[in-house]
Amino acid sequence: PAEILGEDGKVTGLRTERRLLGLSLRWHQVPPHDIARLRVVESYTVESNSKRDVYYRITAELRGGRQLTIAQDLKGRAQADKLLASIGGWTGYATR
């Protein structure tokens, strides 16, 4: 899960955590000035009975070149774009 950290209506950072069976495997926390932008990235496709579903994730691109996944397994570009717009609106981070 990803968490947008805030205080008094201002974004104070981003924290992501990877879990397996409810146990925390690793986490990252970055201050707001390290986040360059947010974007949608294609993750994988699933084909079944000639139907193809594309899944996306939202990543935070950091100023040092690293990327952190903040949302994953989003079915369809429309769902991913809608969530990206919402997160961008809440945080003020660039989304393009």
N, C-alpha and C. Protein backbone atom coordinates (compact mmCIF):
# COMPACT_ATOMS: atom_id res chain seq x y z
N PRO A 1 0.81 -1.20 0.00
CA PRO A 1 0.00 0.00 0.00
C PRO A 1 0.85 1.26 0.00
N ALA A 2 0.32 2.31 -0.53
CA ALA A 2 0.99 3.61 -0.52
C ALA A 2 0.19 4.56 0.35
N GLU A 3 0.88 5.46 0.96
CA GLU A 3 0.24 6.42 1.86
C GLU A 3 0.82 7.80 1.58
N ILE A 4 -0.05 8.76 1.38
CA ILE A 4 0.39 10.15 1.21
C ILE A 4 0.41 10.77 2.60
N LEU A 5 1.57 11.23 3.00
CA LEU A 5 1.72 11.80 4.33
C LEU A 5 1.40 13.28 4.29
N GLY A 6 0.69 13.77 5.29
CA GLY A 6 0.31 15.17 5.30
C GLY A 6 0.14 15.72 6.69
N GLU A 7 0.22 17.04 6.74
CA GLU A 7 0.05 17.74 8.01
C GLU A 7 -0.50 19.12 7.70
N ASP A 8 -1.55 19.52 8.37
CA ASP A 8 -2.17 20.83 8.17
C ASP A 8 -2.51 21.10 6.71
N GLY A 9 -2.99 20.07 6.00
CA GLY A 9 -3.40 20.23 4.62
C GLY A 9 -2.27 20.26 3.61
N LYS A 10 -1.04 20.04 4.05
CA LYS A 10 0.12 20.03 3.14
C LYS A 10 0.70 18.63 3.04
N VAL A 11 1.14 18.27 1.85
CA VAL A 11 1.77 16.97 1.64
C VAL A 11 3.18 17.02 2.22
N THR A 12 3.48 16.05 3.08
CA THR A 12 4.81 16.02 3.72
C THR A 12 5.63 14.82 3.29
N GLY A 13 5.12 14.05 2.32
CA GLY A 13 5.90 12.93 1.81
C GLY A 13 5.03 11.79 1.32
N LEU A 14 5.70 10.72 0.96
CA LEU A 14 5.05 9.53 0.44
C LEU A 14 5.70 8.32 1.08
N ARG A 15 4.89 7.37 1.49
CA ARG A 15 5.40 6.14 2.10
C ARG A 15 4.76 4.96 1.37
N THR A 16 5.58 4.03 0.91
CA THR A 16 5.09 2.81 0.28
C THR A 16 5.56 1.62 1.10
N GLU A 17 4.75 0.57 1.06
CA GLU A 17 5.09 -0.63 1.82
C GLU A 17 4.70 -1.86 1.01
N ARG A 18 5.58 -2.84 0.97
CA ARG A 18 5.30 -4.12 0.32
C ARG A 18 5.01 -5.15 1.40
N ARG A 19 3.92 -5.89 1.21
CA ARG A 19 3.53 -6.91 2.19
C ARG A 19 3.32 -8.24 1.49
N LEU A 20 3.57 -9.29 2.25
CA LEU A 20 3.29 -10.65 1.79
C LEU A 20 2.63 -11.37 2.95
N LEU A 21 1.42 -11.86 2.74
CA LEU A 21 0.65 -12.54 3.78
C LEU A 21 0.53 -11.70 5.04
N GLY A 22 0.38 -10.39 4.85
CA GLY A 22 0.20 -9.47 5.95
C GLY A 22 1.48 -9.02 6.64
N LEU A 23 2.60 -9.58 6.24
CA LEU A 23 3.88 -9.22 6.85
C LEU A 23 4.61 -8.19 6.00
N SER A 24 5.12 -7.18 6.63
CA SER A 24 5.84 -6.13 5.92
C SER A 24 7.18 -6.66 5.43
N LEU A 25 7.43 -6.56 4.12
CA LEU A 25 8.69 -7.00 3.54
C LEU A 25 9.69 -5.86 3.46
N ARG A 26 9.22 -4.71 3.00
CA ARG A 26 10.08 -3.53 2.92
C ARG A 26 9.21 -2.30 2.77
N TRP A 27 9.79 -1.15 3.09
CA TRP A 27 9.07 0.10 2.95
C TRP A 27 10.04 1.20 2.53
N HIS A 28 9.49 2.21 1.90
CA HIS A 28 10.24 3.39 1.47
C HIS A 28 9.46 4.62 1.89
N GLN A 29 10.16 5.63 2.31
CA GLN A 29 9.53 6.91 2.62
C GLN A 29 10.37 8.00 1.98
N VAL A 30 9.71 8.88 1.23
CA VAL A 30 10.42 9.96 0.55
C VAL A 30 9.77 11.29 0.88
N PRO A 31 10.58 12.34 1.01
CA PRO A 31 10.03 13.67 1.25
C PRO A 31 9.41 14.22 -0.04
N PRO A 32 8.52 15.19 0.08
CA PRO A 32 7.80 15.68 -1.11
C PRO A 32 8.71 16.29 -2.17
N HIS A 33 9.82 16.90 -1.79
CA HIS A 33 10.69 17.54 -2.80
C HIS A 33 11.45 16.53 -3.64
N ASP A 34 11.49 15.25 -3.25
CA ASP A 34 12.15 14.21 -4.04
C ASP A 34 11.28 13.67 -5.16
N ILE A 35 9.99 13.97 -5.14
CA ILE A 35 9.06 13.43 -6.13
C ILE A 35 8.98 14.38 -7.32
N ALA A 36 9.41 13.90 -8.49
CA ALA A 36 9.40 14.72 -9.70
C ALA A 36 8.03 14.73 -10.35
N ARG A 37 7.42 13.54 -10.48
CA ARG A 37 6.09 13.45 -11.09
C ARG A 37 5.50 12.08 -10.86
N LEU A 38 4.22 11.96 -11.15
CA LEU A 38 3.49 10.69 -11.09
C LEU A 38 3.09 10.32 -12.50
N ARG A 39 3.10 9.01 -12.80
CA ARG A 39 2.67 8.61 -14.15
C ARG A 39 2.11 7.21 -14.15
N VAL A 40 1.35 6.91 -15.21
CA VAL A 40 0.76 5.59 -15.43
C VAL A 40 1.72 4.77 -16.29
N VAL A 41 1.93 3.51 -15.88
CA VAL A 41 2.81 2.61 -16.62
C VAL A 41 2.07 1.29 -16.85
N GLU A 42 2.17 0.75 -18.05
CA GLU A 42 1.56 -0.56 -18.33
C GLU A 42 2.35 -1.63 -17.57
N SER A 43 1.63 -2.50 -16.86
CA SER A 43 2.29 -3.54 -16.07
C SER A 43 2.29 -4.88 -16.79
N TYR A 44 1.11 -5.37 -17.14
CA TYR A 44 1.01 -6.69 -17.76
C TYR A 44 -0.33 -6.83 -18.47
N THR A 45 -0.44 -7.88 -19.28
CA THR A 45 -1.70 -8.17 -19.97
C THR A 45 -2.12 -9.60 -19.66
N VAL A 46 -3.42 -9.81 -19.69
CA VAL A 46 -3.99 -11.14 -19.49
C VAL A 46 -4.90 -11.42 -20.68
N GLU A 47 -4.68 -12.57 -21.33
CA GLU A 47 -5.51 -12.96 -22.47
C GLU A 47 -6.28 -14.22 -22.10
N SER A 48 -7.58 -14.18 -22.36
CA SER A 48 -8.43 -15.33 -22.08
C SER A 48 -9.60 -15.32 -23.06
N ASN A 49 -9.81 -16.44 -23.75
CA ASN A 49 -10.91 -16.55 -24.72
C ASN A 49 -10.93 -15.38 -25.69
N SER A 50 -9.80 -15.08 -26.24
CA SER A 50 -9.60 -13.99 -27.21
C SER A 50 -9.93 -12.61 -26.64
N LYS A 51 -10.00 -12.49 -25.33
CA LYS A 51 -10.20 -11.19 -24.68
C LYS A 51 -8.88 -10.80 -24.02
N ARG A 52 -8.50 -9.57 -24.23
CA ARG A 52 -7.22 -9.09 -23.69
C ARG A 52 -7.47 -7.96 -22.70
N ASP A 53 -7.01 -8.13 -21.48
CA ASP A 53 -7.11 -7.09 -20.46
C ASP A 53 -5.71 -6.58 -20.15
N VAL A 54 -5.58 -5.27 -20.13
CA VAL A 54 -4.29 -4.65 -19.82
C VAL A 54 -4.39 -4.05 -18.41
N TYR A 55 -3.37 -4.30 -17.61
CA TYR A 55 -3.31 -3.80 -16.24
C TYR A 55 -2.19 -2.77 -16.12
N TYR A 56 -2.43 -1.77 -15.31
CA TYR A 56 -1.50 -0.64 -15.17
C TYR A 56 -1.11 -0.45 -13.71
N ARG A 57 -0.06 0.34 -13.52
CA ARG A 57 0.34 0.77 -12.19
C ARG A 57 0.65 2.26 -12.25
N ILE A 58 0.63 2.90 -11.10
CA ILE A 58 1.02 4.31 -11.00
C ILE A 58 2.34 4.36 -10.25
N THR A 59 3.29 5.07 -10.84
CA THR A 59 4.60 5.19 -10.22
C THR A 59 4.89 6.65 -9.88
N ALA A 60 5.69 6.82 -8.85
CA ALA A 60 6.23 8.13 -8.50
C ALA A 60 7.67 8.14 -9.01
N GLU A 61 7.97 9.05 -9.92
CA GLU A 61 9.33 9.18 -10.42
C GLU A 61 10.07 10.16 -9.51
N LEU A 62 11.18 9.69 -8.97
CA LEU A 62 11.95 10.51 -8.04
C LEU A 62 13.04 11.27 -8.77
N ARG A 63 13.49 12.35 -8.20
CA ARG A 63 14.48 13.21 -8.84
C ARG A 63 15.81 12.50 -9.10
N GLY A 64 16.14 11.49 -8.32
CA GLY A 64 17.37 10.75 -8.53
C GLY A 64 17.27 9.68 -9.61
N GLY A 65 16.08 9.54 -10.23
CA GLY A 65 15.90 8.56 -11.29
C GLY A 65 15.18 7.29 -10.86
N ARG A 66 15.05 7.06 -9.56
CA ARG A 66 14.33 5.88 -9.08
C ARG A 66 12.83 6.04 -9.28
N GLN A 67 12.13 4.91 -9.23
CA GLN A 67 10.67 4.91 -9.32
C GLN A 67 10.12 4.08 -8.17
N LEU A 68 9.01 4.53 -7.62
CA LEU A 68 8.28 3.79 -6.60
C LEU A 68 6.86 3.53 -7.09
N THR A 69 6.41 2.32 -6.98
CA THR A 69 5.03 1.99 -7.34
C THR A 69 4.12 2.40 -6.19
N ILE A 70 3.10 3.20 -6.52
CA ILE A 70 2.18 3.63 -5.46
C ILE A 70 0.79 3.04 -5.63
N ALA A 71 0.50 2.46 -6.80
CA ALA A 71 -0.76 1.74 -7.03
C ALA A 71 -0.50 0.71 -8.12
N GLN A 72 -1.10 -0.45 -7.99
CA GLN A 72 -0.86 -1.49 -8.99
C GLN A 72 -2.12 -2.28 -9.27
N ASP A 73 -2.06 -3.11 -10.30
CA ASP A 73 -3.17 -3.98 -10.70
C ASP A 73 -4.43 -3.20 -11.03
N LEU A 74 -4.27 -2.07 -11.70
CA LEU A 74 -5.41 -1.26 -12.13
C LEU A 74 -5.85 -1.74 -13.50
N LYS A 75 -7.08 -2.23 -13.60
CA LYS A 75 -7.58 -2.82 -14.84
C LYS A 75 -8.07 -1.74 -15.78
N GLY A 76 -7.36 -1.57 -16.87
CA GLY A 76 -7.74 -0.61 -17.90
C GLY A 76 -7.13 0.77 -17.71
N ARG A 77 -6.84 1.39 -18.82
CA ARG A 77 -6.21 2.71 -18.80
C ARG A 77 -7.11 3.77 -18.19
N ALA A 78 -8.42 3.67 -18.42
CA ALA A 78 -9.35 4.67 -17.90
C ALA A 78 -9.32 4.69 -16.37
N GLN A 79 -9.32 3.51 -15.74
CA GLN A 79 -9.27 3.44 -14.28
C GLN A 79 -7.94 4.03 -13.77
N ALA A 80 -6.84 3.69 -14.43
CA ALA A 80 -5.54 4.19 -14.02
C ALA A 80 -5.45 5.71 -14.16
N ASP A 81 -5.95 6.24 -15.28
CA ASP A 81 -5.92 7.69 -15.49
C ASP A 81 -6.79 8.44 -14.48
N LYS A 82 -7.93 7.85 -14.14
CA LYS A 82 -8.82 8.48 -13.16
C LYS A 82 -8.16 8.56 -11.79
N LEU A 83 -7.52 7.47 -11.37
CA LEU A 83 -6.83 7.47 -10.08
C LEU A 83 -5.64 8.42 -10.09
N LEU A 84 -4.90 8.46 -11.19
CA LEU A 84 -3.77 9.38 -11.32
C LEU A 84 -4.23 10.83 -11.18
N ALA A 85 -5.32 11.18 -11.82
CA ALA A 85 -5.85 12.54 -11.73
C ALA A 85 -6.26 12.87 -10.29
N SER A 86 -6.86 11.91 -9.61
CA SER A 86 -7.25 12.13 -8.22
C SER A 86 -6.04 12.35 -7.33
N ILE A 87 -5.04 11.49 -7.46
CA ILE A 87 -3.83 11.62 -6.64
C ILE A 87 -3.12 12.93 -6.95
N GLY A 88 -3.03 13.26 -8.23
CA GLY A 88 -2.41 14.53 -8.62
C GLY A 88 -3.14 15.73 -8.04
N GLY A 89 -4.48 15.66 -8.02
CA GLY A 89 -5.27 16.74 -7.44
C GLY A 89 -5.07 16.87 -5.94
N TRP A 90 -4.97 15.74 -5.24
CA TRP A 90 -4.78 15.77 -3.78
C TRP A 90 -3.40 16.31 -3.41
N THR A 91 -2.40 15.92 -4.21
CA THR A 91 -1.00 16.22 -3.82
C THR A 91 -0.41 17.43 -4.50
N GLY A 92 -0.90 17.75 -5.69
CA GLY A 92 -0.30 18.83 -6.46
C GLY A 92 0.90 18.41 -7.28
N TYR A 93 1.25 17.11 -7.27
CA TYR A 93 2.38 16.62 -8.06
C TYR A 93 2.02 16.63 -9.54
N ALA A 94 3.02 16.83 -10.38
CA ALA A 94 2.84 16.78 -11.83
C ALA A 94 2.46 15.36 -12.23
N THR A 95 1.56 15.25 -13.20
CA THR A 95 1.09 13.94 -13.64
C THR A 95 1.34 13.69 -15.12
N ARG A 96 2.06 14.52 -15.77
CA ARG A 96 2.39 14.31 -17.20
C ARG A 96 3.84 14.52 -17.45
